[in-house]
Protein backbone atom coordinates (compact mmCIF):
# COMPACT_ATOMS: atom_id res chain seq x y z
CA MET A 1 -17.99 7.63 -2.50
CA TYR A 2 -14.70 9.41 -3.29
CA ALA A 3 -13.73 6.91 -6.00
CA LEU A 4 -17.17 7.16 -7.63
CA LEU A 5 -17.07 10.97 -7.66
CA VAL A 6 -13.58 11.03 -9.18
CA ILE A 7 -14.48 8.47 -11.87
CA LEU A 8 -17.58 10.51 -12.76
CA GLN A 9 -15.57 13.74 -13.01
CA THR A 10 -12.62 12.32 -14.91
CA VAL A 11 -14.09 9.61 -17.14
CA VAL A 12 -17.88 9.38 -17.37
CA LEU A 13 -18.95 13.04 -17.61
CA PRO A 14 -16.20 14.13 -20.04
CA LEU A 15 -17.07 11.20 -22.32
CA ILE A 16 -20.80 12.00 -22.21
CA PHE A 17 -20.36 15.75 -22.79
CA GLY A 18 -17.70 15.20 -25.47
CA GLY A 19 -19.90 12.69 -27.27
CA VAL A 20 -22.91 15.01 -27.19
CA HIS A 21 -20.74 17.92 -28.36
CA LEU A 22 -19.42 15.89 -31.31
CA GLY A 23 -22.93 14.68 -32.17
CA VAL A 24 -24.42 18.18 -32.12
CA ALA A 25 -21.62 20.46 -33.31
CA GLY A 26 -18.97 18.14 -34.73
CA GLY A 27 -15.30 19.03 -34.57
CA ASN A 28 -11.93 17.41 -34.11
CA PRO A 29 -12.50 14.60 -31.56
CA ALA A 30 -9.09 15.11 -29.90
CA ILE A 31 -9.80 18.79 -29.33
CA VAL A 32 -13.44 18.33 -28.32
CA PHE A 33 -12.67 15.58 -25.82
CA GLY A 34 -9.58 17.49 -24.65
CA ILE A 35 -11.75 20.49 -23.81
CA TRP A 36 -14.34 18.39 -21.96
CA PHE A 37 -11.63 16.55 -20.02
CA ALA A 38 -10.15 19.98 -19.23
CA PHE A 39 -13.57 21.21 -18.01
CA TRP A 40 -14.50 18.15 -15.93
CA GLY A 41 -11.21 16.40 -15.19
CA VAL A 42 -9.18 19.50 -14.38
CA GLY A 43 -11.68 22.30 -13.71
CA ILE A 44 -14.48 20.64 -11.77
CA ARG A 45 -12.20 17.98 -10.24
CA LEU A 46 -9.73 20.50 -8.81
CA ILE A 47 -12.47 22.89 -7.65
CA VAL A 48 -14.22 20.09 -5.75
CA ALA A 49 -10.89 18.87 -4.32
CA GLY A 50 -9.95 22.42 -3.29
CA ILE A 51 -13.25 23.03 -1.52
CA SER A 52 -12.95 19.67 0.24
CA GLN A 53 -9.38 20.36 1.35
CA LEU A 54 -10.30 23.82 2.62
CA THR A 55 -13.37 22.70 4.55
CA ASN A 56 -12.14 19.31 5.82
CA PRO A 57 -8.38 18.81 5.47
CA ARG A 58 -8.55 15.62 7.53
CA ARG A 59 -10.51 13.93 4.73
CA THR A 60 -7.54 14.32 2.37
CA THR A 61 -4.95 13.07 4.85
CA GLN A 62 -7.01 10.12 6.06
CA THR A 63 -9.28 9.03 3.20
CA ILE A 64 -6.99 9.63 0.24
CA LEU A 65 -3.47 9.46 1.65
CA GLY A 66 -4.24 6.91 4.36
CA ALA A 67 -2.71 8.75 7.33
CA ALA A 68 -3.62 7.39 10.74
CA HIS A 69 -6.24 9.35 12.68
CA GLY A 70 -3.66 10.83 15.07
CA ASP A 71 -1.34 11.82 12.21
CA SER A 72 -3.75 14.35 10.81
CA GLU A 73 -5.63 15.54 13.85
CA ASP A 74 -6.53 19.19 13.34
CA ALA A 75 -8.40 19.76 16.57
CA PRO A 76 -6.85 19.95 20.03
CA ASP A 77 -7.10 16.83 22.17
CA ASP A 78 -8.11 16.53 25.82
CA ASP A 79 -4.60 17.20 27.24
CA ALA A 80 -4.23 20.36 25.16
CA GLU A 81 -7.71 21.55 26.11
CA ARG A 82 -6.83 21.10 29.80
CA GLY A 83 -3.86 23.41 29.36
CA ASP A 84 -1.11 20.76 29.36
CA THR A 85 2.12 22.66 28.75
CA GLY A 86 3.97 19.80 27.11
CA THR A 87 5.51 18.23 30.21
CA GLY A 88 5.12 14.62 31.22
CA THR A 89 2.82 12.44 29.13
CA GLY A 90 1.18 15.43 27.47
CA ALA A 91 4.37 16.39 25.57
CA SER A 92 3.85 13.75 22.93
CA THR A 93 0.19 14.66 22.61
CA ASP A 94 1.04 18.35 22.33
CA THR A 95 3.51 17.58 19.53
CA MET A 96 0.86 15.50 17.72
CA THR A 97 -1.62 18.38 18.01
CA LYS A 98 0.90 20.84 16.57
CA THR A 99 1.82 18.39 13.80
CA GLY A 100 -1.85 17.85 13.02
CA ALA A 101 -2.49 21.61 12.86
CA ALA A 102 0.51 22.07 10.56
CA THR A 103 -0.67 19.21 8.35
CA ALA A 104 -4.15 20.75 8.17
CA GLN A 105 -2.63 24.08 7.14
CA VAL A 106 -0.57 22.47 4.38
CA VAL A 107 -3.62 20.57 3.09
CA GLN A 108 -5.70 23.77 3.15
CA GLU A 109 -2.99 25.64 1.21
CA LEU A 110 -2.99 22.75 -1.29
CA GLY A 111 -6.75 23.29 -1.45
CA LEU A 112 -6.18 26.94 -2.42
CA ALA A 113 -3.83 25.85 -5.21
CA ASN A 114 -6.33 23.24 -6.43
CA LEU A 115 -9.14 25.78 -6.32
CA SER A 116 -7.08 28.31 -8.28
CA LEU A 117 -6.01 25.83 -10.97
CA GLY A 118 -9.56 24.49 -11.20
CA VAL A 119 -11.17 27.91 -11.62
CA VAL A 120 -8.71 28.83 -14.39
CA ALA A 121 -9.34 25.52 -16.18
CA LEU A 122 -13.12 25.84 -15.81
CA VAL A 123 -13.30 29.43 -17.05
CA SER A 124 -10.79 28.74 -19.85
CA SER A 125 -12.87 25.81 -21.06
CA LEU A 126 -15.76 28.20 -21.67
CA VAL A 127 -13.75 30.85 -23.55
CA PRO A 128 -13.16 30.08 -27.24
CA GLY A 129 -9.47 29.57 -27.96
CA TRP A 130 -8.47 29.31 -24.28
CA GLY A 131 -9.90 25.92 -23.30
CA LEU A 132 -6.91 23.68 -23.44
CA ILE A 133 -4.16 26.20 -22.71
CA GLY A 134 -5.89 27.39 -19.54
CA ALA A 135 -6.23 23.81 -18.32
CA LEU A 136 -2.65 22.83 -19.11
CA PRO A 137 -1.11 23.91 -15.75
CA GLY A 138 -3.74 21.92 -13.85
CA ALA A 139 -3.27 18.93 -16.15
CA ILE A 140 0.50 19.06 -15.65
CA TYR A 141 -0.06 19.22 -11.89
CA LEU A 142 -2.34 16.16 -12.07
CA GLY A 143 0.21 14.31 -14.20
CA LEU A 144 3.03 15.03 -11.77
CA ALA A 145 0.84 14.05 -8.80
CA GLY A 146 -0.09 10.82 -10.59
CA LEU A 147 3.57 10.02 -11.24
CA ARG A 148 4.36 10.70 -7.58
CA HIS A 149 1.58 8.34 -6.47
CA LEU A 150 2.82 5.59 -8.81
CA ALA A 151 5.93 5.05 -6.70
CA LYS A 152 3.99 4.57 -3.47
CA ARG A 153 3.34 0.98 -2.43
CA GLY A 154 0.22 -0.20 -0.64
CA LYS A 155 -2.17 2.40 -2.02
CA SER A 156 -5.78 2.40 -0.90
CA LEU A 157 -8.55 2.12 -3.49
CA ASN A 158 -9.08 5.88 -3.31
CA GLU A 159 -5.41 6.58 -3.95
CA LEU A 160 -5.34 4.08 -6.83
CA VAL A 161 -8.32 5.82 -8.44
CA ALA A 162 -6.69 9.23 -7.90
CA THR A 163 -3.39 8.00 -9.38
CA TRP A 164 -4.80 6.55 -12.59
CA THR A 165 -7.38 9.28 -13.22
CA ASP A 166 -4.73 11.97 -12.64
CA LEU A 167 -2.58 10.33 -15.33
CA LEU A 168 -5.54 9.80 -17.68
CA VAL A 169 -6.65 13.44 -17.49
CA PHE A 170 -3.07 14.62 -18.01
CA LEU A 171 -2.65 12.49 -21.14
CA LEU A 172 -6.00 13.48 -22.64
CA VAL A 173 -5.62 17.21 -22.04
CA VAL A 174 -2.06 17.19 -23.36
CA GLY A 175 -3.30 15.17 -26.36
CA GLY A 176 -5.92 17.85 -26.98
CA VAL A 177 -3.26 20.58 -26.76
CA VAL A 178 -1.06 18.71 -29.25
CA ALA A 179 -4.02 18.24 -31.63
CA ALA A 180 -4.93 21.92 -31.39
CA GLY A 181 -1.31 22.91 -31.95
CA LEU A 182 -1.04 20.69 -35.02
CA ARG A 183 -4.23 22.22 -36.35
CA GLY A 184 -2.79 25.70 -35.89
CA TRP A 185 -4.95 26.71 -32.90
């Protein structure tokens, strides 16, 4: 489901909306498609990711990054609920619970960043003259994240889709910015 949603947001919908836009209103294809990739691939994609990370941080750590269930646990386990103080066999479990809570907090803070970048890209795409510039920070973030994922071996299907669509959106939005800059904004 994740891979399908990401492909829709970063490939299919920008191509459909860009094609309709060109057919109805015309324009420079690089700029038109750049704006629609900014809207869908940066704006909507990062807003959806941010909401997901805020509401269910475990989904990001397990489904996308492939962490083991215990690595990203964000709820206390049985030993912690019974009041285990960290002595004996519960010490390891207590550490895992604290690690899981810290991981959940980091993922939720990432969600806030994604939400912020996505809202700026979405709103900018709707304001004449702002579309591509407003999406550029989010596109740069996606490009850097994609480059970071490239180095990782043994990626899941979801991480492969995230890697290549991050890089695609980065290249297309930056291409739109370059085209708009050459045109004189």
